[in-house]
Amino acid sequence: MINVDTKEYLHVHPMVHEDVLVLHSAFTARGLYRVWIQFLLNGLLYTLDYVVQVTELPGQGLHGHHH
């Protein structure tokens, strides 16, 4: 995962939970992040890309914590 503005790379831990892809990471700045995911299915390589908008960092929300 990479921050579009700062070009900072973030380490991501992908996992599947109840057939949903979950990406665990610690965001250090608000903004847009790009994510690329590659996987093999039936012998074919697929590449997907996503854009993630981070508007709030842990500790900055109304609750003082993140979910």
PDB file of N, CA and C in Angstrom:
ATOM      1  N   MET A   1       0.859  -1.154   0.000  1.00  0.00           N
ATOM      2  CA  MET A   1       0.000   0.000   0.000  1.00  0.00           C
ATOM      3  C   MET A   1       0.913   1.227   0.000  1.00  0.00           C
ATOM      4  N   ILE A   2       0.534   2.247  -0.763  1.00  0.00           N
ATOM      5  CA  ILE A   2       1.364   3.453  -0.848  1.00  0.00           C
ATOM      6  C   ILE A   2       0.478   4.697  -0.728  1.00  0.00           C
ATOM      7  N   ASN A   3       0.978   5.681   0.023  1.00  0.00           N
ATOM      8  CA  ASN A   3       0.287   6.956   0.146  1.00  0.00           C
ATOM      9  C   ASN A   3       0.517   7.729  -1.150  1.00  0.00           C
ATOM     10  N   VAL A   4      -0.546   8.174  -1.791  1.00  0.00           N
ATOM     11  CA  VAL A   4      -0.455   8.842  -3.092  1.00  0.00           C
ATOM     12  C   VAL A   4       0.350  10.139  -3.001  1.00  0.00           C
ATOM     13  N   ASP A   5       0.204  10.893  -1.913  1.00  0.00           N
ATOM     14  CA  ASP A   5       0.883  12.184  -1.788  1.00  0.00           C
ATOM     15  C   ASP A   5       2.333  12.053  -1.328  1.00  0.00           C
ATOM     16  N   THR A   6       2.567  11.297  -0.251  1.00  0.00           N
ATOM     17  CA  THR A   6       3.904  11.225   0.345  1.00  0.00           C
ATOM     18  C   THR A   6       4.758  10.108  -0.239  1.00  0.00           C
ATOM     19  N   LYS A   7       4.136   9.176  -0.974  1.00  0.00           N
ATOM     20  CA  LYS A   7       4.808   7.998  -1.548  1.00  0.00           C
ATOM     21  C   LYS A   7       5.329   7.046  -0.475  1.00  0.00           C
ATOM     22  N   GLU A   8       4.834   7.176   0.767  1.00  0.00           N
ATOM     23  CA  GLU A   8       5.225   6.284   1.854  1.00  0.00           C
ATOM     24  C   GLU A   8       4.559   4.919   1.664  1.00  0.00           C
ATOM     25  N   TYR A   9       5.364   3.861   1.789  1.00  0.00           N
ATOM     26  CA  TYR A   9       4.844   2.499   1.694  1.00  0.00           C
ATOM     27  C   TYR A   9       4.406   2.025   3.063  1.00  0.00           C
ATOM     28  N   LEU A  10       3.293   1.316   3.120  1.00  0.00           N
ATOM     29  CA  LEU A  10       2.815   0.717   4.358  1.00  0.00           C
ATOM     30  C   LEU A  10       2.798  -0.792   4.212  1.00  0.00           C
ATOM     31  N   HIS A  11       3.202  -1.459   5.262  1.00  0.00           N
ATOM     32  CA  HIS A  11       3.152  -2.916   5.279  1.00  0.00           C
ATOM     33  C   HIS A  11       1.706  -3.347   5.514  1.00  0.00           C
ATOM     34  N   VAL A  12       1.244  -4.329   4.758  1.00  0.00           N
ATOM     35  CA  VAL A  12      -0.153  -4.774   4.851  1.00  0.00           C
ATOM     36  C   VAL A  12      -0.201  -6.275   5.109  1.00  0.00           C
ATOM     37  N   HIS A  13      -1.089  -6.678   5.999  1.00  0.00           N
ATOM     38  CA  HIS A  13      -1.320  -8.096   6.262  1.00  0.00           C
ATOM     39  C   HIS A  13      -2.693  -8.467   5.710  1.00  0.00           C
ATOM     40  N   PRO A  14      -2.743  -9.118   4.552  1.00  0.00           N
ATOM     41  CA  PRO A  14      -4.045  -9.531   4.007  1.00  0.00           C
ATOM     42  C   PRO A  14      -4.512 -10.832   4.654  1.00  0.00           C
ATOM     43  N   MET A  15      -5.810 -10.945   4.847  1.00  0.00           N
ATOM     44  CA  MET A  15      -6.402 -12.186   5.314  1.00  0.00           C
ATOM     45  C   MET A  15      -7.847 -12.242   4.861  1.00  0.00           C
ATOM     46  N   VAL A  16      -8.396 -13.434   4.812  1.00  0.00           N
ATOM     47  CA  VAL A  16      -9.794 -13.616   4.430  1.00  0.00           C
ATOM     48  C   VAL A  16     -10.560 -14.019   5.680  1.00  0.00           C
ATOM     49  N   HIS A  17     -11.630 -13.283   5.968  1.00  0.00           N
ATOM     50  CA  HIS A  17     -12.481 -13.552   7.127  1.00  0.00           C
ATOM     51  C   HIS A  17     -13.917 -13.664   6.632  1.00  0.00           C
ATOM     52  N   GLU A  18     -14.494 -14.852   6.772  1.00  0.00           N
ATOM     53  CA  GLU A  18     -15.874 -15.108   6.318  1.00  0.00           C
ATOM     54  C   GLU A  18     -16.068 -14.670   4.866  1.00  0.00           C
ATOM     55  N   ASP A  19     -15.147 -15.080   3.989  1.00  0.00           N
ATOM     56  CA  ASP A  19     -15.179 -14.786   2.552  1.00  0.00           C
ATOM     57  C   ASP A  19     -15.018 -13.308   2.215  1.00  0.00           C
ATOM     58  N   VAL A  20     -14.479 -12.517   3.142  1.00  0.00           N
ATOM     59  CA  VAL A  20     -14.223 -11.097   2.906  1.00  0.00           C
ATOM     60  C   VAL A  20     -12.726 -10.849   3.050  1.00  0.00           C
ATOM     61  N   LEU A  21     -12.119 -10.177   2.065  1.00  0.00           N
ATOM     62  CA  LEU A  21     -10.714  -9.819   2.130  1.00  0.00           C
ATOM     63  C   LEU A  21     -10.543  -8.649   3.085  1.00  0.00           C
ATOM     64  N   VAL A  22      -9.665  -8.820   4.077  1.00  0.00           N
ATOM     65  CA  VAL A  22      -9.396  -7.785   5.072  1.00  0.00           C
ATOM     66  C   VAL A  22      -7.912  -7.439   4.988  1.00  0.00           C
ATOM     67  N   LEU A  23      -7.600  -6.150   4.934  1.00  0.00           N
ATOM     68  CA  LEU A  23      -6.216  -5.682   4.890  1.00  0.00           C
ATOM     69  C   LEU A  23      -5.912  -4.957   6.194  1.00  0.00           C
ATOM     70  N   HIS A  24      -4.968  -5.492   6.964  1.00  0.00           N
ATOM     71  CA  HIS A  24      -4.585  -4.871   8.232  1.00  0.00           C
ATOM     72  C   HIS A  24      -3.327  -4.035   8.027  1.00  0.00           C
ATOM     73  N   SER A  25      -3.386  -2.763   8.440  1.00  0.00           N
ATOM     74  CA  SER A  25      -2.236  -1.876   8.332  1.00  0.00           C
ATOM     75  C   SER A  25      -2.397  -0.751   9.346  1.00  0.00           C
ATOM     76  N   ALA A  26      -1.323  -0.020   9.609  1.00  0.00           N
ATOM     77  CA  ALA A  26      -1.358   1.137  10.505  1.00  0.00           C
ATOM     78  C   ALA A  26      -1.121   2.390   9.670  1.00  0.00           C
ATOM     79  N   PHE A  27      -2.159   3.174   9.465  1.00  0.00           N
ATOM     80  CA  PHE A  27      -2.039   4.395   8.673  1.00  0.00           C
ATOM     81  C   PHE A  27      -1.338   5.475   9.496  1.00  0.00           C
ATOM     82  N   THR A  28      -0.411   6.177   8.851  1.00  0.00           N
ATOM     83  CA  THR A  28       0.348   7.221   9.528  1.00  0.00           C
ATOM     84  C   THR A  28      -0.084   8.622   9.114  1.00  0.00           C
ATOM     85  N   ALA A  29      -0.872   8.715   8.058  1.00  0.00           N
ATOM     86  CA  ALA A  29      -1.324  10.018   7.567  1.00  0.00           C
ATOM     87  C   ALA A  29      -2.668   9.859   6.872  1.00  0.00           C
ATOM     88  N   ARG A  30      -3.445  10.925   6.902  1.00  0.00           N
ATOM     89  CA  ARG A  30      -4.696  10.935   6.146  1.00  0.00           C
ATOM     90  C   ARG A  30      -4.389  11.109   4.669  1.00  0.00           C
ATOM     91  N   GLY A  31      -5.325  10.729   3.821  1.00  0.00           N
ATOM     92  CA  GLY A  31      -5.140  10.909   2.390  1.00  0.00           C
ATOM     93  C   GLY A  31      -5.509   9.671   1.606  1.00  0.00           C
ATOM     94  N   LEU A  32      -5.113   9.667   0.350  1.00  0.00           N
ATOM     95  CA  LEU A  32      -5.398   8.541  -0.543  1.00  0.00           C
ATOM     96  C   LEU A  32      -4.245   7.536  -0.513  1.00  0.00           C
ATOM     97  N   TYR A  33      -4.615   6.255  -0.507  1.00  0.00           N
ATOM     98  CA  TYR A  33      -3.641   5.166  -0.558  1.00  0.00           C
ATOM     99  C   TYR A  33      -4.028   4.245  -1.698  1.00  0.00           C
ATOM    100  N   ARG A  34      -3.017   3.740  -2.401  1.00  0.00           N
ATOM    101  CA  ARG A  34      -3.242   2.764  -3.477  1.00  0.00           C
ATOM    102  C   ARG A  34      -2.813   1.394  -2.989  1.00  0.00           C
ATOM    103  N   VAL A  35      -3.597   0.393  -3.357  1.00  0.00           N
ATOM    104  CA  VAL A  35      -3.324  -0.984  -2.970  1.00  0.00           C
ATOM    105  C   VAL A  35      -3.405  -1.850  -4.214  1.00  0.00           C
ATOM    106  N   TRP A  36      -2.443  -2.765  -4.378  1.00  0.00           N
ATOM    107  CA  TRP A  36      -2.480  -3.731  -5.462  1.00  0.00           C
ATOM    108  C   TRP A  36      -2.473  -5.122  -4.860  1.00  0.00           C
ATOM    109  N   ILE A  37      -3.337  -5.974  -5.347  1.00  0.00           N
ATOM    110  CA  ILE A  37      -3.452  -7.346  -4.849  1.00  0.00           C
ATOM    111  C   ILE A  37      -3.340  -8.290  -6.040  1.00  0.00           C
ATOM    112  N   GLN A  38      -2.489  -9.307  -5.899  1.00  0.00           N
ATOM    113  CA  GLN A  38      -2.375 -10.329  -6.937  1.00  0.00           C
ATOM    114  C   GLN A  38      -2.722 -11.683  -6.329  1.00  0.00           C
ATOM    115  N   PHE A  39      -3.435 -12.494  -7.119  1.00  0.00           N
ATOM    116  CA  PHE A  39      -3.754 -13.844  -6.665  1.00  0.00           C
ATOM    117  C   PHE A  39      -3.931 -14.758  -7.870  1.00  0.00           C
ATOM    118  N   LEU A  40      -3.698 -16.044  -7.626  1.00  0.00           N
ATOM    119  CA  LEU A  40      -3.890 -17.071  -8.641  1.00  0.00           C
ATOM    120  C   LEU A  40      -5.234 -17.743  -8.439  1.00  0.00           C
ATOM    121  N   LEU A  41      -5.962 -17.926  -9.533  1.00  0.00           N
ATOM    122  CA  LEU A  41      -7.238 -18.631  -9.497  1.00  0.00           C
ATOM    123  C   LEU A  41      -7.323 -19.484 -10.745  1.00  0.00           C
ATOM    124  N   ASN A  42      -7.430 -20.779 -10.553  1.00  0.00           N
ATOM    125  CA  ASN A  42      -7.499 -21.725 -11.669  1.00  0.00           C
ATOM    126  C   ASN A  42      -6.350 -21.544 -12.651  1.00  0.00           C
ATOM    127  N   GLY A  43      -5.146 -21.279 -12.117  1.00  0.00           N
ATOM    128  CA  GLY A  43      -3.961 -21.145 -12.955  1.00  0.00           C
ATOM    129  C   GLY A  43      -3.793 -19.793 -13.620  1.00  0.00           C
ATOM    130  N   LEU A  44      -4.706 -18.859 -13.410  1.00  0.00           N
ATOM    131  CA  LEU A  44      -4.612 -17.522 -13.998  1.00  0.00           C
ATOM    132  C   LEU A  44      -4.253 -16.501 -12.923  1.00  0.00           C
ATOM    133  N   LEU A  45      -3.332 -15.586 -13.251  1.00  0.00           N
ATOM    134  CA  LEU A  45      -2.918 -14.539 -12.333  1.00  0.00           C
ATOM    135  C   LEU A  45      -3.820 -13.317 -12.514  1.00  0.00           C
ATOM    136  N   TYR A  46      -4.394 -12.853 -11.429  1.00  0.00           N
ATOM    137  CA  TYR A  46      -5.251 -11.664 -11.438  1.00  0.00           C
ATOM    138  C   TYR A  46      -4.586 -10.573 -10.606  1.00  0.00           C
ATOM    139  N   THR A  47      -4.684  -9.338 -11.076  1.00  0.00           N
ATOM    140  CA  THR A  47      -4.189  -8.181 -10.334  1.00  0.00           C
ATOM    141  C   THR A  47      -5.347  -7.198 -10.174  1.00  0.00           C
ATOM    142  N   LEU A  48      -5.618  -6.825  -8.938  1.00  0.00           N
ATOM    143  CA  LEU A  48      -6.672  -5.854  -8.636  1.00  0.00           C
ATOM    144  C   LEU A  48      -6.039  -4.639  -7.986  1.00  0.00           C
ATOM    145  N   ASP A  49      -6.582  -3.468  -8.262  1.00  0.00           N
ATOM    146  CA  ASP A  49      -6.087  -2.280  -7.581  1.00  0.00           C
ATOM    147  C   ASP A  49      -7.253  -1.542  -6.937  1.00  0.00           C
ATOM    148  N   TYR A  50      -6.959  -0.962  -5.795  1.00  0.00           N
ATOM    149  CA  TYR A  50      -7.968  -0.242  -5.019  1.00  0.00           C
ATOM    150  C   TYR A  50      -7.405   1.098  -4.580  1.00  0.00           C
ATOM    151  N   VAL A  51      -8.299   2.045  -4.333  1.00  0.00           N
ATOM    152  CA  VAL A  51      -7.943   3.321  -3.733  1.00  0.00           C
ATOM    153  C   VAL A  51      -8.675   3.401  -2.403  1.00  0.00           C
ATOM    154  N   VAL A  52      -7.920   3.714  -1.346  1.00  0.00           N
ATOM    155  CA  VAL A  52      -8.487   3.815  -0.003  1.00  0.00           C
ATOM    156  C   VAL A  52      -8.351   5.263   0.451  1.00  0.00           C
ATOM    157  N   GLN A  53      -9.448   5.867   0.910  1.00  0.00           N
ATOM    158  CA  GLN A  53      -9.432   7.244   1.424  1.00  0.00           C
ATOM    159  C   GLN A  53      -9.405   7.169   2.953  1.00  0.00           C
ATOM    160  N   VAL A  54      -8.325   7.646   3.552  1.00  0.00           N
ATOM    161  CA  VAL A  54      -8.203   7.686   5.008  1.00  0.00           C
ATOM    162  C   VAL A  54      -8.519   9.104   5.447  1.00  0.00           C
ATOM    163  N   THR A  55      -9.607   9.250   6.203  1.00  0.00           N
ATOM    164  CA  THR A  55     -10.029  10.578   6.648  1.00  0.00           C
ATOM    165  C   THR A  55      -9.787  10.798   8.133  1.00  0.00           C
ATOM    166  N   GLU A  56      -9.515   9.719   8.862  1.00  0.00           N
ATOM    167  CA  GLU A  56      -9.350   9.823  10.306  1.00  0.00           C
ATOM    168  C   GLU A  56      -8.303   8.815  10.759  1.00  0.00           C
ATOM    169  N   LEU A  57      -7.410   9.260  11.630  1.00  0.00           N
ATOM    170  CA  LEU A  57      -6.386   8.379  12.179  1.00  0.00           C
ATOM    171  C   LEU A  57      -6.796   7.936  13.572  1.00  0.00           C
ATOM    172  N   PRO A  58      -6.257   6.824  14.052  1.00  0.00           N
ATOM    173  CA  PRO A  58      -6.579   6.376  15.412  1.00  0.00           C
ATOM    174  C   PRO A  58      -6.313   7.485  16.422  1.00  0.00           C
ATOM    175  N   GLY A  59      -7.258   7.680  17.345  1.00  0.00           N
ATOM    176  CA  GLY A  59      -7.112   8.701  18.356  1.00  0.00           C
ATOM    177  C   GLY A  59      -7.645  10.067  17.955  1.00  0.00           C
ATOM    178  N   GLN A  60      -8.052  10.239  16.682  1.00  0.00           N
ATOM    179  CA  GLN A  60      -8.555  11.524  16.214  1.00  0.00           C
ATOM    180  C   GLN A  60     -10.069  11.548  16.086  1.00  0.00           C
ATOM    181  N   GLY A  61     -10.709  10.418  16.301  1.00  0.00           N
ATOM    182  CA  GLY A  61     -12.148  10.339  16.127  1.00  0.00           C
ATOM    183  C   GLY A  61     -12.916  10.753  17.370  1.00  0.00           C
ATOM    184  N   LEU A  62     -14.214  10.660  17.267  1.00  0.00           N
ATOM    185  CA  LEU A  62     -15.085  11.021  18.375  1.00  0.00           C
ATOM    186  C   LEU A  62     -14.922  10.067  19.549  1.00  0.00           C
ATOM    187  N   HIS A  63     -14.561   8.823  19.287  1.00  0.00           N
ATOM    188  CA  HIS A  63     -14.468   7.822  20.345  1.00  0.00           C
ATOM    189  C   HIS A  63     -13.064   7.736  20.954  1.00  0.00           C
ATOM    190  N   GLY A  64     -12.071   8.318  20.310  1.00  0.00           N
ATOM    191  CA  GLY A  64     -10.719   8.252  20.811  1.00  0.00           C
ATOM    192  C   GLY A  64     -10.030   6.924  20.548  1.00  0.00           C
ATOM    193  N   HIS A  65     -10.645   6.061  19.729  1.00  0.00           N
ATOM    194  CA  HIS A  65     -10.037   4.787  19.352  1.00  0.00           C
ATOM    195  C   HIS A  65     -10.547   4.388  17.980  1.00  0.00           C
ATOM    196  N   HIS A  66      -9.946   3.345  17.420  1.00  0.00           N
ATOM    197  CA  HIS A  66     -10.392   2.909  16.095  1.00  0.00           C
ATOM    198  C   HIS A  66     -10.910   1.485  16.169  1.00  0.00           C
ATOM    199  N   HIS A  67     -11.679   1.082  15.172  1.00  0.00           N
ATOM    200  CA  HIS A  67     -12.277  -0.266  15.109  1.00  0.00           C
ATOM    201  C   HIS A  67     -11.629  -1.044  14.015  1.00  0.00           C
TER     202      HIS A  67
END
